[in-house]
Amino acid sequence: MAIITSEDLKNKINEYNVIPLEVSILKISNQIYLEIDEFEDFLKYAIGSGSQYVYYHYTYYNSEEYIIPIDWYSDYSTKFNKVGCQHNQHIETLDFKTPKSLTLFILQNGTLVGVILDNPWIESQEISRSEEAMELIENEFYSEVKEISETKKNQKQVDESNLREIIFKDPEFRFCKNQELRYWYIVELLEKENMMKYSYLVEPYGVAFTGKVKIFMDKTWELYKERQK
């Protein structure tokens, strides 16, 4: 059901000679919700209860949860990109100022007594969040996704091998005998301009004793020791 706008709600509450107060966060532990479908019926209840104030709280959908990031599909074909763009263009036409829900309540002996009016307009239009929408598109272009995934996997293996060869040929690496030394070695190495292309292999870096750098460098060190035998 459609939910009354904030301005109209305040005017309507004032008509009932009670004071409207908006709250940003609901942190009251004791809460009771009534089976009332119309907000004016709740206002009548509030008056009958002798309340001077009616509190209200709106919730909204977050558009960022529905927009597919461009880098999720930019590596795919023109047709794939077009579908991703069309999804985002449709999301951008939606009015995310439309409330998702409205909570009206009064306080009785420290207890929140109110109603929740829901307006699941996103769900009613069967609009998917970005992750779900991307999954649907990937299913539509399954063969392309599989092919590109294999290509990326193979390229990653090549890059890992190339990076390790560079490390093995560096005489300074033999001094990196603990995780912290190896951590800073690879971090400083990948800061060099011609080495930045390998950064994705160990991102996010984490710290010396946990994370992708540790995993990569532990294996690199073991392979290095085997070569020295």
C-alpha atoms as a PDB file:
ATOM      1  CA  MET A   1       0.000   0.000   0.000  1.00  0.00           C
ATOM      2  CA  ALA A   2       1.134   3.549  -0.707  1.00  0.00           C
ATOM      3  CA  ILE A   3       2.450   5.450   2.307  1.00  0.00           C
ATOM      4  CA  ILE A   4       1.583   9.046   3.075  1.00  0.00           C
ATOM      5  CA  THR A   5       4.433  11.524   2.609  1.00  0.00           C
ATOM      6  CA  SER A   6       6.163  13.089   5.587  1.00  0.00           C
ATOM      7  CA  GLU A   7       4.668  16.547   5.005  1.00  0.00           C
ATOM      8  CA  ASP A   8       1.113  15.245   4.601  1.00  0.00           C
ATOM      9  CA  LEU A   9       1.573  13.009   7.634  1.00  0.00           C
ATOM     10  CA  LYS A  10       2.605  15.919   9.842  1.00  0.00           C
ATOM     11  CA  ASN A  11      -0.350  17.966   8.664  1.00  0.00           C
ATOM     12  CA  LYS A  12      -2.754  15.105   9.331  1.00  0.00           C
ATOM     13  CA  ILE A  13      -1.325  14.502  12.835  1.00  0.00           C
ATOM     14  CA  ASN A  14      -1.697  18.200  13.594  1.00  0.00           C
ATOM     15  CA  GLU A  15      -5.363  18.009  12.554  1.00  0.00           C
ATOM     16  CA  TYR A  16      -5.862  15.539  15.403  1.00  0.00           C
ATOM     17  CA  ASN A  17      -4.368  18.083  17.828  1.00  0.00           C
ATOM     18  CA  VAL A  18      -1.345  15.988  18.693  1.00  0.00           C
ATOM     19  CA  ILE A  19       2.286  16.840  18.017  1.00  0.00           C
ATOM     20  CA  PRO A  20       4.208  14.906  15.332  1.00  0.00           C
ATOM     21  CA  LEU A  21       7.816  14.018  16.172  1.00  0.00           C
ATOM     22  CA  GLU A  22      10.122  12.235  13.734  1.00  0.00           C
ATOM     23  CA  VAL A  23      12.720   9.830  15.089  1.00  0.00           C
ATOM     24  CA  SER A  24      15.795   8.679  13.168  1.00  0.00           C
ATOM     25  CA  ILE A  25      16.540   5.463  15.093  1.00  0.00           C
ATOM     26  CA  LEU A  26      14.282   3.155  17.097  1.00  0.00           C
ATOM     27  CA  LYS A  27      16.155   1.965  20.192  1.00  0.00           C
ATOM     28  CA  ILE A  28      13.269   1.260  22.562  1.00  0.00           C
ATOM     29  CA  SER A  29      13.489  -2.316  23.838  1.00  0.00           C
ATOM     30  CA  ASN A  30       9.814  -2.750  24.815  1.00  0.00           C
ATOM     31  CA  GLN A  31       7.689  -2.629  21.683  1.00  0.00           C
ATOM     32  CA  ILE A  32       4.088  -3.579  20.971  1.00  0.00           C
ATOM     33  CA  TYR A  33       2.614  -3.379  17.479  1.00  0.00           C
ATOM     34  CA  LEU A  34      -1.115  -3.245  16.854  1.00  0.00           C
ATOM     35  CA  GLU A  35      -3.089  -4.806  13.999  1.00  0.00           C
ATOM     36  CA  ILE A  36      -4.194  -1.489  12.489  1.00  0.00           C
ATOM     37  CA  ASP A  37      -4.015  -0.989   8.724  1.00  0.00           C
ATOM     38  CA  GLU A  38      -4.902   2.709   8.398  1.00  0.00           C
ATOM     39  CA  PHE A  39      -2.762   5.426   9.935  1.00  0.00           C
ATOM     40  CA  GLU A  40      -5.793   7.570  10.785  1.00  0.00           C
ATOM     41  CA  ASP A  41      -7.205   4.700  12.851  1.00  0.00           C
ATOM     42  CA  PHE A  42      -3.976   4.743  14.816  1.00  0.00           C
ATOM     43  CA  LEU A  43      -4.245   8.509  15.314  1.00  0.00           C
ATOM     44  CA  LYS A  44      -7.720   7.979  16.781  1.00  0.00           C
ATOM     45  CA  TYR A  45      -6.228   5.361  19.089  1.00  0.00           C
ATOM     46  CA  ALA A  46      -3.483   7.802  20.126  1.00  0.00           C
ATOM     47  CA  ILE A  47      -6.038  10.467  21.011  1.00  0.00           C
ATOM     48  CA  GLY A  48      -8.123   7.980  22.946  1.00  0.00           C
ATOM     49  CA  SER A  49      -4.999   7.034  24.911  1.00  0.00           C
ATOM     50  CA  GLY A  50      -4.441  10.655  25.903  1.00  0.00           C
ATOM     51  CA  SER A  51      -1.116  10.943  24.100  1.00  0.00           C
ATOM     52  CA  GLN A  52       0.214  14.427  23.299  1.00  0.00           C
ATOM     53  CA  TYR A  53       2.767  13.157  20.814  1.00  0.00           C
ATOM     54  CA  VAL A  54       2.792  10.760  17.871  1.00  0.00           C
ATOM     55  CA  TYR A  55       6.229   9.628  16.818  1.00  0.00           C
ATOM     56  CA  TYR A  56       6.989   8.459  13.300  1.00  0.00           C
ATOM     57  CA  HIS A  57       9.868   6.781  11.504  1.00  0.00           C
ATOM     58  CA  TYR A  58      10.303   6.168   7.758  1.00  0.00           C
ATOM     59  CA  THR A  59      12.559   3.603   6.090  1.00  0.00           C
ATOM     60  CA  TYR A  60      13.699   3.664   2.473  1.00  0.00           C
ATOM     61  CA  TYR A  61      15.377   1.397  -0.030  1.00  0.00           C
ATOM     62  CA  ASN A  62      19.017   2.141  -0.843  1.00  0.00           C
ATOM     63  CA  SER A  63      19.535   2.579  -4.576  1.00  0.00           C
ATOM     64  CA  GLU A  64      23.209   1.576  -4.262  1.00  0.00           C
ATOM     65  CA  GLU A  65      22.110  -1.939  -3.337  1.00  0.00           C
ATOM     66  CA  TYR A  66      20.418  -2.280  -6.752  1.00  0.00           C
ATOM     67  CA  ILE A  67      22.930  -0.629  -9.098  1.00  0.00           C
ATOM     68  CA  ILE A  68      25.352  -3.148 -10.624  1.00  0.00           C
ATOM     69  CA  PRO A  69      28.929  -1.772 -10.406  1.00  0.00           C
ATOM     70  CA  ILE A  70      30.338  -1.268 -13.893  1.00  0.00           C
ATOM     71  CA  ASP A  71      33.495  -3.232 -13.132  1.00  0.00           C
ATOM     72  CA  TRP A  72      31.339  -6.323 -12.535  1.00  0.00           C
ATOM     73  CA  TYR A  73      30.476  -6.556 -16.236  1.00  0.00           C
ATOM     74  CA  SER A  74      32.894  -4.305 -18.120  1.00  0.00           C
ATOM     75  CA  ASP A  75      35.113  -7.234 -19.157  1.00  0.00           C
ATOM     76  CA  TYR A  76      32.277  -8.997 -20.963  1.00  0.00           C
ATOM     77  CA  SER A  77      30.828  -8.645 -24.455  1.00  0.00           C
ATOM     78  CA  THR A  78      28.875  -5.705 -25.816  1.00  0.00           C
ATOM     79  CA  LYS A  79      25.607  -7.641 -25.411  1.00  0.00           C
ATOM     80  CA  PHE A  80      26.436  -8.476 -21.789  1.00  0.00           C
ATOM     81  CA  ASN A  81      27.339  -4.836 -21.088  1.00  0.00           C
ATOM     82  CA  LYS A  82      24.102  -3.683 -22.687  1.00  0.00           C
ATOM     83  CA  VAL A  83      22.007  -5.839 -20.370  1.00  0.00           C
ATOM     84  CA  GLY A  84      23.929  -4.569 -17.335  1.00  0.00           C
ATOM     85  CA  CYS A  85      23.490  -0.963 -18.441  1.00  0.00           C
ATOM     86  CA  GLN A  86      19.784  -1.480 -19.081  1.00  0.00           C
ATOM     87  CA  HIS A  87      19.339  -2.811 -15.547  1.00  0.00           C
ATOM     88  CA  ASN A  88      21.095   0.228 -14.090  1.00  0.00           C
ATOM     89  CA  GLN A  89      19.188   2.643 -16.301  1.00  0.00           C
ATOM     90  CA  HIS A  90      15.920   1.147 -15.073  1.00  0.00           C
ATOM     91  CA  ILE A  91      17.050   1.485 -11.444  1.00  0.00           C
ATOM     92  CA  GLU A  92      17.917   5.140 -12.042  1.00  0.00           C
ATOM     93  CA  THR A  93      14.345   5.852 -13.172  1.00  0.00           C
ATOM     94  CA  LEU A  94      12.924   4.670  -9.825  1.00  0.00           C
ATOM     95  CA  ASP A  95      11.991   7.069  -7.055  1.00  0.00           C
ATOM     96  CA  PHE A  96      13.940   5.922  -4.017  1.00  0.00           C
ATOM     97  CA  LYS A  97      12.386   8.731  -1.995  1.00  0.00           C
ATOM     98  CA  THR A  98       9.272   6.560  -1.890  1.00  0.00           C
ATOM     99  CA  PRO A  99       9.110   5.088   1.629  1.00  0.00           C
ATOM    100  CA  LYS A 100       9.582   1.392   2.230  1.00  0.00           C
ATOM    101  CA  SER A 101       7.761   1.520   5.560  1.00  0.00           C
ATOM    102  CA  LEU A 102       6.290   3.904   8.106  1.00  0.00           C
ATOM    103  CA  THR A 103       6.247   3.246  11.816  1.00  0.00           C
ATOM    104  CA  LEU A 104       3.818   5.292  13.916  1.00  0.00           C
ATOM    105  CA  PHE A 105       3.872   4.991  17.677  1.00  0.00           C
ATOM    106  CA  ILE A 106       3.154   6.521  21.053  1.00  0.00           C
ATOM    107  CA  LEU A 107       4.823   5.851  24.396  1.00  0.00           C
ATOM    108  CA  GLN A 108       2.833   4.286  27.188  1.00  0.00           C
ATOM    109  CA  ASN A 109       4.696   3.710  30.453  1.00  0.00           C
ATOM    110  CA  GLY A 110       7.984   3.472  28.584  1.00  0.00           C
ATOM    111  CA  THR A 111       6.636   1.005  26.032  1.00  0.00           C
ATOM    112  CA  LEU A 112       6.461   1.717  22.318  1.00  0.00           C
ATOM    113  CA  VAL A 113       2.909   1.075  21.150  1.00  0.00           C
ATOM    114  CA  GLY A 114       2.524   1.501  17.425  1.00  0.00           C
ATOM    115  CA  VAL A 115       1.863   0.213  13.938  1.00  0.00           C
ATOM    116  CA  ILE A 116       4.075  -0.561  10.970  1.00  0.00           C
ATOM    117  CA  LEU A 117       2.747   0.273   7.521  1.00  0.00           C
ATOM    118  CA  ASP A 118       4.689  -1.525   4.799  1.00  0.00           C
ATOM    119  CA  ASN A 119       5.131  -0.540   1.186  1.00  0.00           C
ATOM    120  CA  PRO A 120       7.380  -3.173  -0.467  1.00  0.00           C
ATOM    121  CA  TRP A 121       7.265  -1.430  -3.827  1.00  0.00           C
ATOM    122  CA  ILE A 122      10.634  -2.840  -4.953  1.00  0.00           C
ATOM    123  CA  GLU A 123       9.551  -6.424  -4.328  1.00  0.00           C
ATOM    124  CA  SER A 124       6.176  -5.842  -5.954  1.00  0.00           C
ATOM    125  CA  GLN A 125       7.986  -4.826  -9.159  1.00  0.00           C
ATOM    126  CA  GLU A 126      10.240  -7.904  -8.896  1.00  0.00           C
ATOM    127  CA  ILE A 127      13.385  -5.787  -8.964  1.00  0.00           C
ATOM    128  CA  SER A 128      16.532  -7.657  -7.961  1.00  0.00           C
ATOM    129  CA  ARG A 129      19.430  -6.418  -5.866  1.00  0.00           C
ATOM    130  CA  SER A 130      22.720  -5.982  -7.704  1.00  0.00           C
ATOM    131  CA  GLU A 131      24.131  -9.414  -6.738  1.00  0.00           C
ATOM    132  CA  GLU A 132      20.944 -11.222  -7.760  1.00  0.00           C
ATOM    133  CA  ALA A 133      20.627  -9.216 -10.982  1.00  0.00           C
ATOM    134  CA  MET A 134      24.242  -9.958 -11.906  1.00  0.00           C
ATOM    135  CA  GLU A 135      23.702 -13.653 -11.273  1.00  0.00           C
ATOM    136  CA  LEU A 136      20.676 -13.657 -13.588  1.00  0.00           C
ATOM    137  CA  ILE A 137      22.686 -11.951 -16.335  1.00  0.00           C
ATOM    138  CA  GLU A 138      25.570 -14.377 -15.875  1.00  0.00           C
ATOM    139  CA  ASN A 139      23.153 -17.291 -16.252  1.00  0.00           C
ATOM    140  CA  GLU A 140      21.873 -15.739 -19.473  1.00  0.00           C
ATOM    141  CA  PHE A 141      25.450 -15.485 -20.804  1.00  0.00           C
ATOM    142  CA  TYR A 142      26.710 -18.666 -19.160  1.00  0.00           C
ATOM    143  CA  SER A 143      29.060 -19.808 -21.953  1.00  0.00           C
ATOM    144  CA  GLU A 144      30.694 -16.377 -22.190  1.00  0.00           C
ATOM    145  CA  VAL A 145      31.106 -16.132 -18.417  1.00  0.00           C
ATOM    146  CA  LYS A 146      32.693 -19.590 -18.299  1.00  0.00           C
ATOM    147  CA  GLU A 147      35.092 -18.759 -21.128  1.00  0.00           C
ATOM    148  CA  ILE A 148      36.211 -15.467 -19.607  1.00  0.00           C
ATOM    149  CA  SER A 149      36.518 -17.073 -16.185  1.00  0.00           C
ATOM    150  CA  GLU A 150      38.847 -19.708 -17.634  1.00  0.00           C
ATOM    151  CA  THR A 151      40.845 -17.034 -19.456  1.00  0.00           C
ATOM    152  CA  LYS A 152      41.266 -15.034 -16.240  1.00  0.00           C
ATOM    153  CA  LYS A 153      42.227 -18.157 -14.328  1.00  0.00           C
ATOM    154  CA  ASN A 154      44.889 -19.041 -16.892  1.00  0.00           C
ATOM    155  CA  GLN A 155      46.192 -15.476 -16.956  1.00  0.00           C
ATOM    156  CA  LYS A 156      46.405 -15.451 -13.178  1.00  0.00           C
ATOM    157  CA  GLN A 157      48.485 -18.627 -13.240  1.00  0.00           C
ATOM    158  CA  VAL A 158      50.827 -17.074 -15.828  1.00  0.00           C
ATOM    159  CA  ASP A 159      51.158 -13.871 -13.798  1.00  0.00           C
ATOM    160  CA  GLU A 160      51.834 -15.794 -10.584  1.00  0.00           C
ATOM    161  CA  SER A 161      54.553 -17.755 -12.335  1.00  0.00           C
ATOM    162  CA  ASN A 162      56.106 -14.605 -13.835  1.00  0.00           C
ATOM    163  CA  LEU A 163      56.041 -12.757 -10.512  1.00  0.00           C
ATOM    164  CA  ARG A 164      57.685 -15.650  -8.699  1.00  0.00           C
ATOM    165  CA  GLU A 165      60.415 -15.856 -11.337  1.00  0.00           C
ATOM    166  CA  ILE A 166      61.163 -12.177 -10.780  1.00  0.00           C
ATOM    167  CA  ILE A 167      61.335 -12.784  -7.025  1.00  0.00           C
ATOM    168  CA  PHE A 168      63.518 -15.891  -7.379  1.00  0.00           C
ATOM    169  CA  LYS A 169      66.026 -13.955  -9.487  1.00  0.00           C
ATOM    170  CA  ASP A 170      66.300 -11.171  -6.911  1.00  0.00           C
ATOM    171  CA  PRO A 171      69.330 -11.856  -4.653  1.00  0.00           C
ATOM    172  CA  GLU A 172      67.723  -9.818  -1.873  1.00  0.00           C
ATOM    173  CA  PHE A 173      64.916 -12.328  -1.469  1.00  0.00           C
ATOM    174  CA  ARG A 174      67.187 -14.865   0.219  1.00  0.00           C
ATOM    175  CA  PHE A 175      67.237 -12.635   3.314  1.00  0.00           C
ATOM    176  CA  CYS A 176      63.419 -12.718   3.706  1.00  0.00           C
ATOM    177  CA  LYS A 177      63.394 -15.571   6.203  1.00  0.00           C
ATOM    178  CA  ASN A 178      60.211 -14.681   8.098  1.00  0.00           C
ATOM    179  CA  GLN A 179      56.672 -13.644   7.207  1.00  0.00           C
ATOM    180  CA  GLU A 180      57.090  -9.997   8.121  1.00  0.00           C
ATOM    181  CA  LEU A 181      60.177  -9.569   5.936  1.00  0.00           C
ATOM    182  CA  ARG A 182      58.463 -11.332   3.050  1.00  0.00           C
ATOM    183  CA  TYR A 183      55.377  -9.178   3.524  1.00  0.00           C
ATOM    184  CA  TRP A 184      57.255  -5.898   3.224  1.00  0.00           C
ATOM    185  CA  TYR A 185      59.401  -7.262   0.422  1.00  0.00           C
ATOM    186  CA  ILE A 186      56.406  -7.940  -1.834  1.00  0.00           C
ATOM    187  CA  VAL A 187      54.580  -4.740  -0.831  1.00  0.00           C
ATOM    188  CA  GLU A 188      57.596  -2.604  -1.769  1.00  0.00           C
ATOM    189  CA  LEU A 189      58.210  -4.632  -4.921  1.00  0.00           C
ATOM    190  CA  LEU A 190      54.659  -4.096  -6.172  1.00  0.00           C
ATOM    191  CA  GLU A 191      54.915  -0.351  -5.603  1.00  0.00           C
ATOM    192  CA  LYS A 192      57.350  -0.140  -8.506  1.00  0.00           C
ATOM    193  CA  GLU A 193      55.672   1.157 -11.640  1.00  0.00           C
ATOM    194  CA  ASN A 194      56.432  -1.829 -13.860  1.00  0.00           C
ATOM    195  CA  MET A 195      55.293  -4.256 -11.127  1.00  0.00           C
ATOM    196  CA  MET A 196      51.873  -2.799 -10.299  1.00  0.00           C
ATOM    197  CA  LYS A 197      50.195  -5.060 -12.853  1.00  0.00           C
ATOM    198  CA  TYR A 198      50.781  -7.975 -10.458  1.00  0.00           C
ATOM    199  CA  SER A 199      49.163  -6.290  -7.444  1.00  0.00           C
ATOM    200  CA  TYR A 200      45.789  -7.963  -8.028  1.00  0.00           C
ATOM    201  CA  LEU A 201      47.378 -11.327  -7.171  1.00  0.00           C
ATOM    202  CA  VAL A 202      47.739 -10.376  -3.490  1.00  0.00           C
ATOM    203  CA  GLU A 203      44.974  -7.812  -2.957  1.00  0.00           C
ATOM    204  CA  PRO A 204      43.732  -7.085  -0.410  1.00  0.00           C
ATOM    205  CA  TYR A 205      47.160  -7.326   1.222  1.00  0.00           C
ATOM    206  CA  GLY A 206      46.013  -8.028   4.769  1.00  0.00           C
ATOM    207  CA  VAL A 207      48.861  -8.092   7.293  1.00  0.00           C
ATOM    208  CA  ALA A 208      52.088 -10.062   7.588  1.00  0.00           C
ATOM    209  CA  PHE A 209      50.545 -12.984   9.462  1.00  0.00           C
ATOM    210  CA  THR A 210      47.238 -13.316   7.626  1.00  0.00           C
ATOM    211  CA  GLY A 211      45.793 -12.374   4.252  1.00  0.00           C
ATOM    212  CA  LYS A 212      46.526 -12.931   0.573  1.00  0.00           C
ATOM    213  CA  VAL A 213      50.119 -11.685   0.786  1.00  0.00           C
ATOM    214  CA  LYS A 214      50.931 -14.283   3.448  1.00  0.00           C
ATOM    215  CA  ILE A 215      49.394 -17.111   1.429  1.00  0.00           C
ATOM    216  CA  PHE A 216      51.197 -16.108  -1.760  1.00  0.00           C
ATOM    217  CA  MET A 217      54.549 -15.478  -0.121  1.00  0.00           C
ATOM    218  CA  ASP A 218      54.511 -18.613   2.050  1.00  0.00           C
ATOM    219  CA  LYS A 219      54.160 -20.711  -1.078  1.00  0.00           C
ATOM    220  CA  THR A 220      56.745 -18.618  -2.887  1.00  0.00           C
ATOM    221  CA  TRP A 221      59.231 -19.132  -0.061  1.00  0.00           C
ATOM    222  CA  GLU A 222      58.675 -22.913  -0.065  1.00  0.00           C
ATOM    223  CA  LEU A 223      59.193 -23.060  -3.829  1.00  0.00           C
ATOM    224  CA  TYR A 224      62.294 -20.908  -3.482  1.00  0.00           C
ATOM    225  CA  LYS A 225      63.807 -23.243  -0.867  1.00  0.00           C
ATOM    226  CA  GLU A 226      63.131 -26.247  -3.101  1.00  0.00           C
ATOM    227  CA  ARG A 227      65.063 -24.557  -5.902  1.00  0.00           C
ATOM    228  CA  GLN A 228      68.018 -23.999  -3.630  1.00  0.00           C
ATOM    229  CA  LYS A 229      68.383 -27.685  -2.794  1.00  0.00           C
END
